[in-house]
Amino acid sequence: MAPMVTRSFFVAGSHTDIGKTFVACALLRGAIARGLRAEAYKPVVSGFDPGDWNDSDPGRLLAALGRPLSADTLAAMSPLRYRAPLAPPIAARREGDVLMLAKLLASCRLVRDSWSTDLGLIEGAGGVMSPIAEDATNLDLMAALGMPVLLVGGSYLGSISHTLTALECVRARGLDVAAVVVSESGESDAPGLMDTLEAVDRFGRGARVLAAPRGDEAGWVEGLLF
C-alpha cells in the first residue's frame, strides 16, 4: 500500500517567534491523544544550540510526538541546523553552507511522500516572507509544496497588521488557508487575545480564525483535527 496522509498542513507564521511550534506541538499531542497517527518535519532550523537542544523547535516537536531525543531522531526531524539566530540562508552562510530552495523542497517532498499517517505537519522557519533559502522565502517553499496552510499569528501590539498582511500574501499565491490561528502573546502590553481575534476575523475576508490561548488547547485543537 502506498504511503498516505489523511490531513497535512504547512505551519507558517506571520512573524518569527510567533508560536508556530506551539501550535504544531499542540496539534500533534491532540492527534496522538485521540489515537491518531501523527508526523512532523521542520527541514531547517537556525539559532540551534547542539549542546542544549531539548527546548529547541525540533526537540519540542519530538517530545510532542513522544519520541526519544537522540541524534538520529533529531536528524530525521530537522536535518539542517545552524547556530546563528538569523534567517536560515544567512545562518548557513556563516557555517560555509549555501542553502537553496531545491534542497529544501526535495527533502520536504521525500519526507511527506513517505508518511503513512492521519496528520502530517511541515513547519517553516520565520515569517511567511522571511528568506528560507538563498533563492526563496518561506512563501516560495509553501507554494512549491502546495499544502494547505495553517497561518499562525500573535496577539501582540501590531500583530493584526502582520497577520492580515501574511494572509493576503498566502492567498495571492493561490494557496488554501485552512485556518488562521491567533496564538496568545505573552507581552504585558499585548491587547486582549479576543480583541485581536475579532479584528482578524472581521478583516480576514472569510478566513477561518481560531484563538489559541496558552494553557488551553482542547477547543481549538479539536476544531482543526475534525
Protein backbone atom coordinates (compact mmCIF):
# COMPACT_ATOMS: atom_id res chain seq x y z
CA MET A 1 0.00 0.00 0.00
CA ALA A 2 1.37 3.44 -0.92
CA PRO A 3 2.08 5.86 1.95
CA MET A 4 -0.62 8.46 2.52
CA VAL A 5 -1.53 11.38 4.75
CA THR A 6 -5.17 11.96 5.71
CA ARG A 7 -4.61 15.62 6.67
CA SER A 8 -1.49 17.66 6.09
CA PHE A 9 -0.65 21.28 6.77
CA PHE A 10 2.24 23.66 6.28
CA VAL A 11 2.55 25.58 9.54
CA ALA A 12 3.52 29.15 8.67
CA GLY A 13 3.94 32.28 10.74
CA SER A 14 3.11 35.94 10.24
CA HIS A 15 6.34 36.75 12.12
CA THR A 16 9.26 34.99 13.72
CA ASP A 17 8.87 33.52 17.25
CA ILE A 18 5.13 33.77 16.82
CA GLY A 19 4.05 30.36 18.13
CA LYS A 20 4.33 28.08 15.09
CA THR A 21 5.93 25.30 17.12
CA PHE A 22 3.47 25.83 19.99
CA VAL A 23 0.60 25.31 17.58
CA ALA A 24 2.27 22.37 15.82
CA CYS A 25 3.04 20.61 19.12
CA ALA A 26 -0.49 21.11 20.39
CA LEU A 27 -1.88 19.55 17.22
CA LEU A 28 0.49 16.60 17.44
CA ARG A 29 -0.38 15.95 21.08
CA GLY A 30 -4.07 16.30 20.34
CA ALA A 31 -3.92 13.86 17.45
CA ILE A 32 -1.99 11.25 19.43
CA ALA A 33 -4.33 11.61 22.42
CA ARG A 34 -7.20 10.73 20.08
CA GLY A 35 -5.45 7.62 18.81
CA LEU A 36 -4.39 9.18 15.51
CA ARG A 37 -1.04 8.73 13.82
CA ALA A 38 0.97 11.93 13.51
CA GLU A 39 4.21 13.07 11.86
CA ALA A 40 6.08 16.36 11.67
CA TYR A 41 9.07 17.78 9.85
CA LYS A 42 10.98 21.04 10.21
CA PRO A 43 13.52 20.95 7.38
CA VAL A 44 15.72 23.78 8.63
CA VAL A 45 16.24 25.49 11.97
CA SER A 46 18.55 28.36 12.93
CA GLY A 47 19.53 29.60 16.36
CA PHE A 48 20.21 25.97 17.26
CA ASP A 49 22.50 25.08 20.17
CA PRO A 50 23.73 21.49 19.67
CA GLY A 51 24.76 21.33 23.32
CA ASP A 52 21.30 22.14 24.67
CA TRP A 53 18.53 21.40 22.21
CA ASN A 54 15.76 19.82 24.29
CA ASP A 55 13.78 23.06 24.17
CA SER A 56 14.60 23.79 20.52
CA ASP A 57 11.87 23.59 17.90
CA PRO A 58 12.85 20.07 16.74
CA GLY A 59 13.27 18.97 20.37
CA ARG A 60 9.76 20.18 21.22
CA LEU A 61 8.28 18.53 18.13
CA LEU A 62 9.91 15.21 19.02
CA ALA A 63 8.64 15.48 22.59
CA ALA A 64 5.11 16.17 21.33
CA LEU A 65 5.33 13.01 19.23
CA GLY A 66 6.51 11.05 22.26
CA ARG A 67 9.81 10.18 20.59
CA PRO A 68 13.21 9.92 22.24
CA LEU A 69 15.58 12.83 21.87
CA SER A 70 18.59 11.35 20.10
CA ALA A 71 20.99 12.26 17.34
CA ASP A 72 19.05 10.05 14.92
CA THR A 73 15.60 11.44 15.74
CA LEU A 74 16.97 14.98 15.62
CA ALA A 75 18.49 14.40 12.19
CA ALA A 76 15.21 12.94 10.92
CA MET A 77 13.16 15.86 12.28
CA SER A 78 15.48 18.72 11.25
CA PRO A 79 18.40 17.70 9.05
CA LEU A 80 19.63 21.26 8.50
CA ARG A 81 20.59 23.00 11.74
CA TYR A 82 22.55 26.22 12.11
CA ARG A 83 23.81 28.02 15.21
CA ALA A 84 23.27 31.71 14.42
CA PRO A 85 19.80 33.09 15.34
CA LEU A 86 19.36 34.56 11.87
CA ALA A 87 17.37 33.77 8.74
CA PRO A 88 18.42 30.25 7.65
CA PRO A 89 20.37 31.21 4.50
CA ILE A 90 22.34 33.84 6.43
CA ALA A 91 22.99 31.42 9.30
CA ALA A 92 24.02 28.75 6.78
CA ARG A 93 26.46 31.12 5.09
CA ARG A 94 28.23 31.68 8.40
CA GLU A 95 28.93 27.95 8.51
CA GLY A 96 30.11 27.75 4.91
CA ASP A 97 26.88 26.28 3.56
CA VAL A 98 24.77 27.52 0.66
CA LEU A 99 21.10 26.82 1.30
CA MET A 100 18.96 26.60 -1.85
CA LEU A 101 15.25 26.01 -2.38
CA ALA A 102 15.78 22.85 -4.44
CA LYS A 103 17.45 21.13 -1.47
CA LEU A 104 14.68 22.07 0.97
CA LEU A 105 11.92 21.21 -1.48
CA ALA A 106 13.41 17.80 -2.26
CA SER A 107 13.75 16.89 1.42
CA CYS A 108 10.20 18.03 2.22
CA ARG A 109 8.73 16.04 -0.66
CA LEU A 110 10.74 12.95 0.22
CA VAL A 111 9.58 13.02 3.84
CA ARG A 112 5.98 13.91 3.04
CA ASP A 113 5.70 11.19 0.42
CA SER A 114 6.98 8.60 2.90
CA TRP A 115 4.33 9.34 5.53
CA SER A 116 1.51 6.94 6.26
CA THR A 117 -0.34 8.90 8.88
CA ASP A 118 -3.51 10.73 9.87
CA LEU A 119 -1.86 14.11 10.43
CA GLY A 120 1.33 15.42 8.83
CA LEU A 121 2.86 18.82 9.55
CA ILE A 122 5.72 20.66 7.87
CA GLU A 123 6.84 23.72 9.79
CA GLY A 124 8.55 26.71 8.25
CA ALA A 125 11.26 28.94 9.73
CA GLY A 126 10.43 32.57 10.41
CA GLY A 127 7.60 34.53 8.86
CA VAL A 128 5.85 33.98 5.55
CA MET A 129 8.14 36.41 3.71
CA SER A 130 11.32 35.55 5.63
CA PRO A 131 14.12 34.09 3.50
CA ILE A 132 14.36 30.34 3.99
CA ALA A 133 16.97 29.82 1.26
CA GLU A 134 19.28 31.96 -0.85
CA ASP A 135 16.70 31.93 -3.63
CA ALA A 136 13.42 31.59 -1.75
CA THR A 137 11.19 32.84 1.02
CA ASN A 138 9.01 30.61 3.17
CA LEU A 139 6.17 31.52 0.83
CA ASP A 140 8.10 30.17 -2.16
CA LEU A 141 8.57 26.83 -0.38
CA MET A 142 4.91 26.77 0.62
CA ALA A 143 3.80 27.46 -2.95
CA ALA A 144 6.08 24.75 -4.33
CA LEU A 145 4.69 22.20 -1.88
CA GLY A 146 1.07 23.29 -2.38
CA MET A 147 -0.08 22.11 1.05
CA PRO A 148 -2.99 23.67 2.96
CA VAL A 149 -1.61 26.38 5.23
CA LEU A 150 -2.10 26.91 8.94
CA LEU A 151 -1.16 30.55 9.39
CA VAL A 152 -0.13 31.40 12.95
CA GLY A 153 -0.35 34.99 14.14
CA GLY A 154 0.12 36.58 17.55
CA SER A 155 -1.83 38.95 19.77
CA TYR A 156 0.99 41.46 20.47
CA LEU A 157 0.58 45.12 19.53
CA GLY A 158 0.89 45.29 15.73
CA SER A 159 0.06 41.63 15.16
CA ILE A 160 -3.25 42.36 13.43
CA SER A 161 -1.47 44.07 10.53
CA HIS A 162 1.23 41.39 10.40
CA THR A 163 -1.34 38.58 10.32
CA LEU A 164 -3.61 40.17 7.73
CA THR A 165 -0.64 41.05 5.50
CA ALA A 166 0.64 37.47 5.69
CA LEU A 167 -2.85 36.18 4.92
CA GLU A 168 -3.06 38.34 1.79
CA CYS A 169 0.38 37.16 0.64
CA VAL A 170 -0.52 33.49 1.05
CA ARG A 171 -3.83 33.91 -0.75
CA ALA A 172 -2.17 35.83 -3.58
CA ARG A 173 -0.11 32.72 -4.35
CA GLY A 174 -3.27 30.64 -4.67
CA LEU A 175 -2.72 28.60 -1.51
CA ASP A 176 -5.55 27.21 0.60
CA VAL A 177 -5.54 28.77 4.08
CA ALA A 178 -7.09 26.06 6.24
CA ALA A 179 -7.19 28.38 9.26
CA VAL A 180 -5.60 31.38 10.89
CA VAL A 181 -4.58 30.59 14.46
CA VAL A 182 -4.14 33.61 16.74
CA SER A 183 -1.62 32.47 19.33
CA GLU A 184 -1.77 34.31 22.65
CA SER A 185 1.29 36.51 23.10
CA GLY A 186 2.96 36.89 26.48
CA GLU A 187 3.89 40.59 26.36
CA SER A 188 2.48 42.63 29.24
CA ASP A 189 1.27 45.35 26.86
CA ALA A 190 -0.37 42.93 24.41
CA PRO A 191 -4.00 43.68 23.54
CA GLY A 192 -6.61 41.15 24.61
CA LEU A 193 -6.47 37.89 22.70
CA MET A 194 -10.15 38.05 21.82
CA ASP A 195 -9.87 41.66 20.62
CA THR A 196 -7.15 40.58 18.21
CA LEU A 197 -9.15 37.54 17.15
CA GLU A 198 -12.21 39.69 16.41
CA ALA A 199 -10.23 42.12 14.28
CA VAL A 200 -8.50 39.39 12.26
CA ASP A 201 -11.86 37.67 11.78
CA ARG A 202 -13.54 40.90 10.69
CA PHE A 203 -10.91 41.80 8.09
CA GLY A 204 -9.87 38.28 7.11
CA ARG A 205 -12.43 38.03 4.28
CA GLY A 206 -13.94 34.74 5.30
CA ALA A 207 -10.85 33.08 6.71
CA ARG A 208 -11.46 30.59 9.48
CA VAL A 209 -9.93 32.23 12.57
CA LEU A 210 -9.26 30.41 15.84
CA ALA A 211 -7.87 31.61 19.17
CA ALA A 212 -5.05 29.60 20.74
CA PRO A 213 -4.80 30.64 24.39
CA ARG A 214 -1.76 29.40 26.27
CA GLY A 215 -2.60 26.54 28.60
CA ASP A 216 -5.93 25.72 26.95
CA GLU A 217 -5.52 23.62 23.82
CA ALA A 218 -8.61 21.42 23.84
CA GLY A 219 -11.10 23.57 21.95
CA TRP A 220 -9.06 24.93 19.05
CA VAL A 221 -7.10 21.71 18.55
CA GLU A 222 -10.34 19.77 18.27
CA GLY A 223 -11.56 22.24 15.68
CA LEU A 224 -8.51 21.70 13.47
CA LEU A 225 -8.37 17.93 13.77
CA PHE A 226 -12.02 17.31 12.86
